[in-house]
Amino acid sequence: MAVLRSKRRRKILLLAVAVLLIVYYLFHISGYSLSARGALRHSFPPSDGAPLYIKSFGDYSVGITGEGKQQTAKLIYKKWGFLYQVRSSAALYNPGDKEPMGITWLAHLANEREYNVLLAAKVENPAIHIVRFSHEGDLADSYIEVKVENGYAVTYQRLPIAKAGNFVFRGLNDEGKVLAEVKA
């Protein structure tokens, strides 16, 4: 009788270990993690350090990773309320060493009339407190303003197709004066 219990326990233990290994393997291959930070850590380009900045937008979050001028904005999707996966990323482009902002944007088609758009800026000038994401020409009157937090201004929004591109990033002080302008 004791031998049967021992064999049964051994089978249950082996089955549990096999299930754990399969679950771990599937998580690793699929890119899913149990936290946004874990998803960032396992994404490309890899980042060994802690995320520099994370901001949530419903089921999506934007995380900034990297070091120095090599920083990346990554779009993180939350599935079923507890699984996180990086869906896309874009490098923060700094047009020159003396530029006051590093910028990036990316867009995914949401439906036949709209795009989901990620806009991000790394602000180097401490006098810039607001970043205005806008356009040139006919669309210049429509814009999105985001407060700078910990040196970053990030938003993730749905925009009409006509307004999902040709962005101009403007850094403003508290009085609304434009201190920097970078065209994407």
N, C-alpha and C. Protein backbone atom coordinates (compact mmCIF):
# COMPACT_ATOMS: atom_id res chain seq x y z
N MET A 1 0.81 -1.19 0.00
CA MET A 1 0.00 0.00 0.00
C MET A 1 0.86 1.27 0.00
N ALA A 2 1.93 1.25 0.81
CA ALA A 2 2.82 2.41 0.90
C ALA A 2 3.57 2.62 -0.41
N VAL A 3 3.87 1.51 -1.10
CA VAL A 3 4.57 1.60 -2.38
C VAL A 3 3.67 2.27 -3.41
N LEU A 4 2.38 1.96 -3.41
CA LEU A 4 1.45 2.58 -4.35
C LEU A 4 1.33 4.08 -4.09
N ARG A 5 1.25 4.49 -2.83
CA ARG A 5 1.19 5.91 -2.49
C ARG A 5 2.45 6.64 -2.95
N SER A 6 3.58 6.00 -2.75
CA SER A 6 4.87 6.59 -3.15
C SER A 6 4.93 6.78 -4.66
N LYS A 7 4.51 5.76 -5.42
CA LYS A 7 4.51 5.88 -6.89
C LYS A 7 3.51 6.95 -7.34
N ARG A 8 2.36 7.01 -6.69
CA ARG A 8 1.35 8.00 -7.04
C ARG A 8 1.87 9.41 -6.77
N ARG A 9 2.49 9.62 -5.62
CA ARG A 9 3.07 10.94 -5.30
C ARG A 9 4.14 11.33 -6.32
N ARG A 10 4.96 10.36 -6.69
CA ARG A 10 6.02 10.62 -7.66
C ARG A 10 5.42 11.04 -9.00
N LYS A 11 4.36 10.36 -9.45
CA LYS A 11 3.70 10.71 -10.71
C LYS A 11 3.10 12.12 -10.64
N ILE A 12 2.43 12.43 -9.52
CA ILE A 12 1.84 13.76 -9.35
C ILE A 12 2.93 14.82 -9.35
N LEU A 13 4.03 14.57 -8.66
CA LEU A 13 5.14 15.52 -8.63
C LEU A 13 5.74 15.72 -10.02
N LEU A 14 5.95 14.63 -10.76
CA LEU A 14 6.50 14.75 -12.12
C LEU A 14 5.53 15.50 -13.04
N LEU A 15 4.24 15.22 -12.90
CA LEU A 15 3.25 15.92 -13.71
C LEU A 15 3.23 17.41 -13.38
N ALA A 16 3.30 17.77 -12.11
CA ALA A 16 3.33 19.18 -11.70
C ALA A 16 4.57 19.89 -12.24
N VAL A 17 5.71 19.24 -12.16
CA VAL A 17 6.95 19.83 -12.69
C VAL A 17 6.84 20.01 -14.20
N ALA A 18 6.29 19.01 -14.90
CA ALA A 18 6.13 19.10 -16.35
C ALA A 18 5.21 20.26 -16.72
N VAL A 19 4.09 20.41 -16.00
CA VAL A 19 3.16 21.51 -16.26
C VAL A 19 3.84 22.85 -16.02
N LEU A 20 4.58 22.99 -14.94
CA LEU A 20 5.30 24.24 -14.66
C LEU A 20 6.31 24.56 -15.75
N LEU A 21 7.05 23.56 -16.22
CA LEU A 21 8.03 23.79 -17.29
C LEU A 21 7.34 24.21 -18.59
N ILE A 22 6.23 23.59 -18.91
CA ILE A 22 5.49 23.96 -20.12
C ILE A 22 4.95 25.38 -20.01
N VAL A 23 4.37 25.73 -18.87
CA VAL A 23 3.85 27.09 -18.68
C VAL A 23 4.98 28.10 -18.78
N TYR A 24 6.12 27.84 -18.14
CA TYR A 24 7.26 28.75 -18.21
C TYR A 24 7.73 28.91 -19.65
N TYR A 25 7.83 27.81 -20.37
CA TYR A 25 8.28 27.83 -21.76
C TYR A 25 7.31 28.65 -22.62
N LEU A 26 5.99 28.41 -22.45
CA LEU A 26 5.01 29.16 -23.23
C LEU A 26 5.06 30.66 -22.93
N PHE A 27 5.23 31.02 -21.66
CA PHE A 27 5.37 32.44 -21.30
C PHE A 27 6.59 33.03 -21.97
N HIS A 28 7.71 32.33 -21.91
CA HIS A 28 8.96 32.83 -22.47
C HIS A 28 8.86 33.02 -23.98
N ILE A 29 8.29 32.05 -24.68
CA ILE A 29 8.17 32.12 -26.13
C ILE A 29 7.16 33.19 -26.56
N SER A 30 6.04 33.30 -25.86
CA SER A 30 4.99 34.22 -26.27
C SER A 30 5.30 35.67 -25.94
N GLY A 31 6.24 35.90 -25.03
CA GLY A 31 6.57 37.26 -24.63
C GLY A 31 5.71 37.79 -23.51
N TYR A 32 4.80 36.98 -22.99
CA TYR A 32 3.94 37.42 -21.89
C TYR A 32 4.69 37.35 -20.57
N SER A 33 4.34 38.27 -19.69
CA SER A 33 4.88 38.30 -18.32
C SER A 33 3.73 38.61 -17.38
N LEU A 34 3.97 38.45 -16.09
CA LEU A 34 2.95 38.72 -15.10
C LEU A 34 2.98 40.18 -14.63
N SER A 35 3.91 40.99 -15.17
CA SER A 35 3.97 42.41 -14.82
C SER A 35 4.45 43.20 -16.04
N ALA A 36 4.14 44.49 -16.04
CA ALA A 36 4.61 45.36 -17.12
C ALA A 36 6.14 45.43 -17.13
N ARG A 37 6.72 45.48 -15.94
CA ARG A 37 8.18 45.53 -15.85
C ARG A 37 8.82 44.26 -16.39
N GLY A 38 8.20 43.11 -16.13
CA GLY A 38 8.70 41.85 -16.66
C GLY A 38 8.61 41.81 -18.18
N ALA A 39 7.51 42.32 -18.74
CA ALA A 39 7.36 42.38 -20.19
C ALA A 39 8.45 43.25 -20.81
N LEU A 40 8.74 44.38 -20.17
CA LEU A 40 9.81 45.26 -20.68
C LEU A 40 11.16 44.57 -20.62
N ARG A 41 11.40 43.86 -19.54
CA ARG A 41 12.69 43.18 -19.34
C ARG A 41 12.92 42.11 -20.40
N HIS A 42 11.84 41.45 -20.85
CA HIS A 42 11.98 40.35 -21.81
C HIS A 42 11.75 40.77 -23.26
N SER A 43 11.65 42.05 -23.53
CA SER A 43 11.39 42.53 -24.88
C SER A 43 12.69 42.90 -25.59
N PHE A 44 12.56 43.21 -26.88
CA PHE A 44 13.71 43.63 -27.67
C PHE A 44 13.58 45.12 -27.98
N PRO A 45 14.60 45.93 -27.92
CA PRO A 45 15.92 45.58 -27.41
C PRO A 45 15.86 45.36 -25.90
N PRO A 46 16.64 44.38 -25.42
CA PRO A 46 16.57 44.05 -23.99
C PRO A 46 17.10 45.18 -23.12
N SER A 47 16.57 45.24 -21.91
CA SER A 47 17.01 46.24 -20.95
C SER A 47 17.22 45.56 -19.61
N ASP A 48 18.43 45.59 -19.11
CA ASP A 48 18.74 44.93 -17.84
C ASP A 48 18.27 45.76 -16.65
N GLY A 49 18.27 47.06 -16.80
CA GLY A 49 17.91 47.94 -15.69
C GLY A 49 16.41 48.11 -15.55
N ALA A 50 16.03 48.83 -14.52
CA ALA A 50 14.62 49.13 -14.29
C ALA A 50 14.13 50.08 -15.37
N PRO A 51 12.84 50.02 -15.70
CA PRO A 51 12.29 50.97 -16.68
C PRO A 51 12.49 52.40 -16.18
N LEU A 52 12.77 53.31 -17.10
CA LEU A 52 12.98 54.70 -16.73
C LEU A 52 11.66 55.42 -16.45
N TYR A 53 10.59 54.95 -17.11
CA TYR A 53 9.30 55.62 -16.98
C TYR A 53 8.21 54.68 -17.48
N ILE A 54 7.07 54.63 -16.79
CA ILE A 54 5.91 53.86 -17.23
C ILE A 54 4.66 54.70 -16.99
N LYS A 55 3.78 54.73 -18.00
CA LYS A 55 2.50 55.44 -17.85
C LYS A 55 1.40 54.56 -18.45
N SER A 56 0.28 54.45 -17.73
CA SER A 56 -0.82 53.57 -18.14
C SER A 56 -1.91 54.35 -18.88
N PHE A 57 -2.51 53.66 -19.87
CA PHE A 57 -3.63 54.17 -20.66
C PHE A 57 -4.63 53.03 -20.84
N GLY A 58 -5.40 52.70 -19.82
CA GLY A 58 -6.36 51.60 -19.89
C GLY A 58 -5.64 50.26 -19.99
N ASP A 59 -5.96 49.48 -21.05
CA ASP A 59 -5.32 48.17 -21.24
C ASP A 59 -3.90 48.29 -21.77
N TYR A 60 -3.46 49.49 -22.09
CA TYR A 60 -2.11 49.70 -22.62
C TYR A 60 -1.30 50.55 -21.65
N SER A 61 0.00 50.34 -21.68
CA SER A 61 0.95 51.19 -20.95
C SER A 61 2.08 51.50 -21.90
N VAL A 62 2.77 52.58 -21.61
CA VAL A 62 3.97 52.92 -22.36
C VAL A 62 5.13 52.90 -21.38
N GLY A 63 6.16 52.15 -21.72
CA GLY A 63 7.36 52.08 -20.88
C GLY A 63 8.56 52.60 -21.64
N ILE A 64 9.40 53.36 -20.97
CA ILE A 64 10.64 53.86 -21.57
C ILE A 64 11.78 53.08 -20.94
N THR A 65 12.62 52.48 -21.78
CA THR A 65 13.78 51.73 -21.29
C THR A 65 15.03 52.23 -21.99
N GLY A 66 16.18 51.79 -21.51
CA GLY A 66 17.44 52.14 -22.14
C GLY A 66 18.32 52.97 -21.23
N GLU A 67 19.39 53.48 -21.84
CA GLU A 67 20.35 54.31 -21.10
C GLU A 67 20.81 55.45 -21.98
N GLY A 68 21.04 56.59 -21.38
CA GLY A 68 21.58 57.75 -22.10
C GLY A 68 20.76 58.10 -23.31
N LYS A 69 21.41 58.20 -24.46
CA LYS A 69 20.73 58.56 -25.71
C LYS A 69 20.05 57.36 -26.37
N GLN A 70 20.34 56.15 -25.91
CA GLN A 70 19.77 54.92 -26.49
C GLN A 70 18.53 54.50 -25.71
N GLN A 71 17.44 55.22 -25.87
CA GLN A 71 16.21 54.92 -25.16
C GLN A 71 15.11 54.52 -26.14
N THR A 72 14.20 53.68 -25.64
CA THR A 72 13.13 53.14 -26.48
C THR A 72 11.79 53.28 -25.76
N ALA A 73 10.77 53.71 -26.50
CA ALA A 73 9.40 53.73 -25.98
C ALA A 73 8.74 52.42 -26.43
N LYS A 74 8.17 51.68 -25.47
CA LYS A 74 7.57 50.38 -25.77
C LYS A 74 6.10 50.38 -25.36
N LEU A 75 5.26 49.89 -26.25
CA LEU A 75 3.83 49.80 -26.01
C LEU A 75 3.53 48.43 -25.40
N ILE A 76 2.97 48.43 -24.19
CA ILE A 76 2.70 47.20 -23.44
C ILE A 76 1.19 46.97 -23.40
N TYR A 77 0.76 45.77 -23.76
CA TYR A 77 -0.65 45.41 -23.74
C TYR A 77 -0.94 44.52 -22.54
N LYS A 78 -2.04 44.81 -21.83
CA LYS A 78 -2.46 43.98 -20.70
C LYS A 78 -3.65 43.13 -21.15
N LYS A 79 -3.46 41.79 -21.08
CA LYS A 79 -4.49 40.85 -21.51
C LYS A 79 -5.06 40.13 -20.29
N TRP A 80 -6.38 40.04 -20.24
CA TRP A 80 -7.09 39.34 -19.16
C TRP A 80 -6.79 39.92 -17.79
N GLY A 81 -6.25 41.11 -17.73
CA GLY A 81 -6.01 41.77 -16.45
C GLY A 81 -4.76 41.36 -15.72
N PHE A 82 -4.00 40.37 -16.24
CA PHE A 82 -2.81 39.95 -15.51
C PHE A 82 -1.64 39.52 -16.40
N LEU A 83 -1.82 39.45 -17.71
CA LEU A 83 -0.72 39.11 -18.62
C LEU A 83 -0.30 40.36 -19.39
N TYR A 84 0.99 40.60 -19.48
CA TYR A 84 1.54 41.79 -20.13
C TYR A 84 2.47 41.37 -21.25
N GLN A 85 2.37 42.08 -22.39
CA GLN A 85 3.22 41.78 -23.54
C GLN A 85 3.56 43.08 -24.27
N VAL A 86 4.82 43.24 -24.65
CA VAL A 86 5.22 44.39 -25.46
C VAL A 86 4.75 44.14 -26.88
N ARG A 87 3.93 45.05 -27.40
CA ARG A 87 3.37 44.89 -28.74
C ARG A 87 4.20 45.57 -29.81
N SER A 88 4.85 46.69 -29.47
CA SER A 88 5.69 47.38 -30.44
C SER A 88 6.60 48.35 -29.70
N SER A 89 7.59 48.84 -30.42
CA SER A 89 8.52 49.78 -29.80
C SER A 89 9.09 50.72 -30.86
N ALA A 90 9.57 51.85 -30.38
CA ALA A 90 10.19 52.84 -31.27
C ALA A 90 11.30 53.55 -30.50
N ALA A 91 12.44 53.71 -31.14
CA ALA A 91 13.57 54.38 -30.50
C ALA A 91 13.30 55.87 -30.39
N LEU A 92 13.68 56.44 -29.25
CA LEU A 92 13.58 57.89 -29.08
C LEU A 92 14.71 58.51 -29.89
N TYR A 93 14.34 59.28 -30.87
CA TYR A 93 15.29 59.89 -31.78
C TYR A 93 15.68 61.26 -31.28
N ASN A 94 16.97 61.47 -31.09
CA ASN A 94 17.47 62.78 -30.70
C ASN A 94 18.25 63.33 -31.88
N PRO A 95 17.71 64.34 -32.56
CA PRO A 95 18.33 64.82 -33.79
C PRO A 95 19.74 65.40 -33.64
N GLY A 96 20.14 65.77 -32.45
CA GLY A 96 21.48 66.30 -32.24
C GLY A 96 21.80 66.37 -30.76
N ASP A 97 23.07 66.45 -30.44
CA ASP A 97 23.47 66.48 -29.03
C ASP A 97 22.93 67.69 -28.29
N LYS A 98 22.71 68.78 -29.01
CA LYS A 98 22.26 70.00 -28.33
C LYS A 98 20.74 70.19 -28.40
N GLU A 99 20.03 69.20 -28.96
CA GLU A 99 18.57 69.30 -29.05
C GLU A 99 17.96 69.14 -27.67
N PRO A 100 16.91 69.90 -27.38
CA PRO A 100 16.28 69.85 -26.06
C PRO A 100 15.32 68.68 -25.86
N MET A 101 15.00 67.93 -26.94
CA MET A 101 14.06 66.81 -26.81
C MET A 101 14.46 65.66 -27.72
N GLY A 102 14.32 64.45 -27.20
CA GLY A 102 14.37 63.25 -28.02
C GLY A 102 12.92 62.85 -28.27
N ILE A 103 12.60 62.41 -29.49
CA ILE A 103 11.19 62.19 -29.85
C ILE A 103 10.99 60.84 -30.52
N THR A 104 9.75 60.36 -30.48
CA THR A 104 9.35 59.20 -31.27
C THR A 104 7.84 59.15 -31.36
N TRP A 105 7.35 58.42 -32.33
CA TRP A 105 5.92 58.15 -32.44
C TRP A 105 5.73 56.89 -33.25
N LEU A 106 4.61 56.23 -33.02
CA LEU A 106 4.24 55.07 -33.82
C LEU A 106 2.72 54.99 -33.87
N ALA A 107 2.20 54.31 -34.90
CA ALA A 107 0.75 54.22 -35.08
C ALA A 107 0.37 52.83 -35.56
N HIS A 108 -0.80 52.37 -35.08
CA HIS A 108 -1.38 51.09 -35.51
C HIS A 108 -2.81 51.36 -35.95
N LEU A 109 -3.20 50.77 -37.06
CA LEU A 109 -4.56 50.95 -37.56
C LEU A 109 -5.56 50.35 -36.58
N ALA A 110 -6.49 51.18 -36.09
CA ALA A 110 -7.51 50.73 -35.14
C ALA A 110 -8.77 50.27 -35.88
N ASN A 111 -9.15 51.02 -36.90
CA ASN A 111 -10.30 50.67 -37.74
C ASN A 111 -10.09 51.40 -39.06
N GLU A 112 -11.07 51.40 -39.93
CA GLU A 112 -10.87 51.99 -41.25
C GLU A 112 -10.75 53.51 -41.26
N ARG A 113 -11.04 54.17 -40.12
CA ARG A 113 -10.98 55.62 -40.07
C ARG A 113 -9.99 56.17 -39.05
N GLU A 114 -9.42 55.30 -38.19
CA GLU A 114 -8.60 55.80 -37.08
C GLU A 114 -7.36 54.95 -36.84
N TYR A 115 -6.37 55.61 -36.24
CA TYR A 115 -5.15 54.95 -35.79
C TYR A 115 -5.02 55.11 -34.28
N ASN A 116 -4.45 54.11 -33.62
CA ASN A 116 -3.99 54.25 -32.24
C ASN A 116 -2.56 54.77 -32.34
N VAL A 117 -2.28 55.90 -31.71
CA VAL A 117 -1.01 56.58 -31.88
C VAL A 117 -0.31 56.75 -30.54
N LEU A 118 0.96 56.38 -30.50
CA LEU A 118 1.84 56.61 -29.35
C LEU A 118 2.75 57.78 -29.69
N LEU A 119 2.79 58.78 -28.83
CA LEU A 119 3.68 59.93 -28.98
C LEU A 119 4.51 60.04 -27.71
N ALA A 120 5.82 60.18 -27.86
CA ALA A 120 6.68 60.26 -26.68
C ALA A 120 7.82 61.24 -26.92
N ALA A 121 8.19 61.95 -25.85
CA ALA A 121 9.31 62.88 -25.90
C ALA A 121 10.10 62.77 -24.61
N LYS A 122 11.42 62.73 -24.75
CA LYS A 122 12.32 62.82 -23.60
C LYS A 122 12.82 64.26 -23.57
N VAL A 123 12.52 64.95 -22.50
CA VAL A 123 12.81 66.38 -22.42
C VAL A 123 14.14 66.59 -21.70
N GLU A 124 15.07 67.26 -22.37
CA GLU A 124 16.40 67.53 -21.81
C GLU A 124 16.45 68.89 -21.11
N ASN A 125 15.61 69.83 -21.55
CA ASN A 125 15.62 71.19 -21.02
C ASN A 125 14.68 71.27 -19.81
N PRO A 126 15.20 71.55 -18.61
CA PRO A 126 14.34 71.59 -17.42
C PRO A 126 13.30 72.71 -17.43
N ALA A 127 13.43 73.68 -18.31
CA ALA A 127 12.45 74.77 -18.39
C ALA A 127 11.20 74.35 -19.15
N ILE A 128 11.27 73.21 -19.87
CA ILE A 128 10.11 72.72 -20.61
C ILE A 128 9.24 71.89 -19.66
N HIS A 129 7.98 72.33 -19.50
CA HIS A 129 7.05 71.64 -18.59
C HIS A 129 5.88 71.00 -19.31
N ILE A 130 5.68 71.37 -20.58
CA ILE A 130 4.58 70.82 -21.38
C ILE A 130 5.12 70.53 -22.77
N VAL A 131 4.70 69.40 -23.34
CA VAL A 131 5.03 69.11 -24.74
C VAL A 131 3.72 69.12 -25.51
N ARG A 132 3.72 69.90 -26.60
CA ARG A 132 2.55 69.98 -27.48
C ARG A 132 2.86 69.17 -28.74
N PHE A 133 2.04 68.16 -28.95
CA PHE A 133 2.14 67.33 -30.15
C PHE A 133 1.14 67.89 -31.15
N SER A 134 1.63 68.39 -32.28
CA SER A 134 0.73 69.00 -33.26
C SER A 134 1.24 68.72 -34.67
N HIS A 135 0.69 69.46 -35.63
CA HIS A 135 1.05 69.29 -37.04
C HIS A 135 1.43 70.64 -37.63
N GLU A 136 1.85 70.58 -38.86
CA GLU A 136 2.11 71.82 -39.61
C GLU A 136 0.97 72.06 -40.59
N GLY A 137 0.89 73.27 -41.07
CA GLY A 137 -0.07 73.59 -42.13
C GLY A 137 -1.52 73.60 -41.67
N ASP A 138 -2.40 72.95 -42.46
CA ASP A 138 -3.84 72.99 -42.23
C ASP A 138 -4.26 72.40 -40.88
N LEU A 139 -3.49 71.46 -40.36
CA LEU A 139 -3.87 70.78 -39.12
C LEU A 139 -3.20 71.39 -37.89
N ALA A 140 -2.56 72.53 -38.02
CA ALA A 140 -1.79 73.12 -36.93
C ALA A 140 -2.65 73.52 -35.73
N ASP A 141 -3.97 73.78 -35.95
CA ASP A 141 -4.79 74.21 -34.81
C ASP A 141 -5.17 73.05 -33.90
N SER A 142 -5.10 71.81 -34.36
CA SER A 142 -5.41 70.68 -33.49
C SER A 142 -4.11 70.16 -32.87
N TYR A 143 -4.13 70.00 -31.56
CA TYR A 143 -2.92 69.56 -30.88
C TYR A 143 -3.27 68.83 -29.60
N ILE A 144 -2.28 68.13 -29.06
CA ILE A 144 -2.40 67.41 -27.79
C ILE A 144 -1.30 67.94 -26.89
N GLU A 145 -1.67 68.37 -25.69
CA GLU A 145 -0.66 68.85 -24.73
C GLU A 145 -0.53 67.84 -23.59
N VAL A 146 0.71 67.54 -23.23
CA VAL A 146 1.00 66.57 -22.18
C VAL A 146 2.02 67.18 -21.22
N LYS A 147 1.75 67.10 -19.93
CA LYS A 147 2.69 67.59 -18.92
C LYS A 147 3.91 66.67 -18.87
N VAL A 148 5.06 67.27 -18.65
CA VAL A 148 6.30 66.52 -18.52
C VAL A 148 6.35 65.93 -17.10
N GLU A 149 6.59 64.61 -17.03
CA GLU A 149 6.72 63.91 -15.75
C GLU A 149 8.05 63.16 -15.76
N ASN A 150 8.89 63.45 -14.79
CA ASN A 150 10.20 62.78 -14.68
C ASN A 150 11.00 62.87 -15.98
N GLY A 151 10.85 63.97 -16.70
CA GLY A 151 11.62 64.19 -17.93
C GLY A 151 10.99 63.61 -19.18
N TYR A 152 9.76 63.05 -19.09
CA TYR A 152 9.10 62.44 -20.25
C TYR A 152 7.69 62.98 -20.41
N ALA A 153 7.27 63.09 -21.67
CA ALA A 153 5.89 63.42 -22.01
C ALA A 153 5.42 62.31 -22.95
N VAL A 154 4.38 61.58 -22.53
CA VAL A 154 3.93 60.40 -23.27
C VAL A 154 2.41 60.40 -23.34
N THR A 155 1.87 60.03 -24.52
CA THR A 155 0.44 59.82 -24.65
C THR A 155 0.18 58.70 -25.64
N TYR A 156 -0.96 58.04 -25.47
CA TYR A 156 -1.42 56.99 -26.37
C TYR A 156 -2.89 57.24 -26.63
N GLN A 157 -3.23 57.61 -27.87
CA GLN A 157 -4.59 58.04 -28.20
C GLN A 157 -5.02 57.53 -29.56
N ARG A 158 -6.32 57.54 -29.76
CA ARG A 158 -6.89 57.21 -31.07
C ARG A 158 -7.10 58.51 -31.83
N LEU A 159 -6.56 58.57 -33.05
CA LEU A 159 -6.66 59.78 -33.88
C LEU A 159 -7.22 59.43 -35.25
N PRO A 160 -7.91 60.37 -35.88
CA PRO A 160 -8.35 60.16 -37.27
C PRO A 160 -7.13 59.97 -38.18
N ILE A 161 -7.31 59.23 -39.23
CA ILE A 161 -6.20 58.92 -40.14
C ILE A 161 -5.50 60.19 -40.62
N ALA A 162 -6.26 61.24 -40.91
CA ALA A 162 -5.67 62.49 -41.42
C ALA A 162 -4.73 63.14 -40.41
N LYS A 163 -4.88 62.83 -39.12
CA LYS A 163 -4.07 63.47 -38.09
C LYS A 163 -3.03 62.53 -37.48
N ALA A 164 -2.82 61.38 -38.09
CA ALA A 164 -1.91 60.38 -37.54
C ALA A 164 -0.58 60.37 -38.28
N GLY A 165 0.11 61.49 -38.26
CA GLY A 165 1.42 61.58 -38.91
C GLY A 165 1.88 63.01 -39.04
N ASN A 166 3.10 63.19 -39.55
CA ASN A 166 3.69 64.52 -39.74
C ASN A 166 3.61 65.37 -38.48
N PHE A 167 4.07 64.80 -37.39
CA PHE A 167 3.97 65.49 -36.10
C PHE A 167 5.09 66.49 -35.90
N VAL A 168 4.76 67.52 -35.14
CA VAL A 168 5.73 68.50 -34.67
C VAL A 168 5.65 68.47 -33.14
N PHE A 169 6.80 68.30 -32.50
CA PHE A 169 6.86 68.26 -31.04
C PHE A 169 7.37 69.62 -30.57
N ARG A 170 6.57 70.30 -29.76
CA ARG A 170 6.97 71.62 -29.26
C ARG A 170 7.05 71.57 -27.73
N GLY A 171 8.18 72.02 -27.21
CA GLY A 171 8.36 72.10 -25.77
C GLY A 171 7.99 73.49 -25.29
N LEU A 172 7.08 73.57 -24.31
CA LEU A 172 6.58 74.85 -23.82
C LEU A 172 6.95 75.04 -22.35
N ASN A 173 7.13 76.30 -21.97
CA ASN A 173 7.30 76.59 -20.54
C ASN A 173 5.92 76.79 -19.91
N ASP A 174 5.88 77.17 -18.64
CA ASP A 174 4.59 77.32 -17.94
C ASP A 174 3.72 78.42 -18.52
N GLU A 175 4.33 79.42 -19.15
CA GLU A 175 3.57 80.52 -19.75
C GLU A 175 3.09 80.19 -21.16
N GLY A 176 3.45 79.04 -21.71
CA GLY A 176 3.04 78.67 -23.05
C GLY A 176 3.98 79.09 -24.13
N LYS A 177 5.14 79.63 -23.78
CA LYS A 177 6.14 80.05 -24.77
C LYS A 177 6.87 78.82 -25.32
N VAL A 178 7.02 78.75 -26.64
CA VAL A 178 7.70 77.63 -27.27
C VAL A 178 9.21 77.78 -27.07
N LEU A 179 9.81 76.81 -26.39
CA LEU A 179 11.24 76.82 -26.15
C LEU A 179 11.99 75.88 -27.09
N ALA A 180 11.28 74.93 -27.65
CA ALA A 180 11.92 73.96 -28.56
C ALA A 180 10.89 73.44 -29.54
N GLU A 181 11.37 73.11 -30.74
CA GLU A 181 10.49 72.54 -31.77
C GLU A 181 11.29 71.49 -32.54
N VAL A 182 10.74 70.28 -32.58
CA VAL A 182 11.39 69.19 -33.30
C VAL A 182 10.33 68.55 -34.20
N LYS A 183 10.68 68.42 -35.50
CA LYS A 183 9.75 67.83 -36.46
C LYS A 183 10.06 66.34 -36.59
N ALA A 184 8.99 65.54 -36.57
CA ALA A 184 9.16 64.08 -36.69
C ALA A 184 9.22 63.69 -38.15
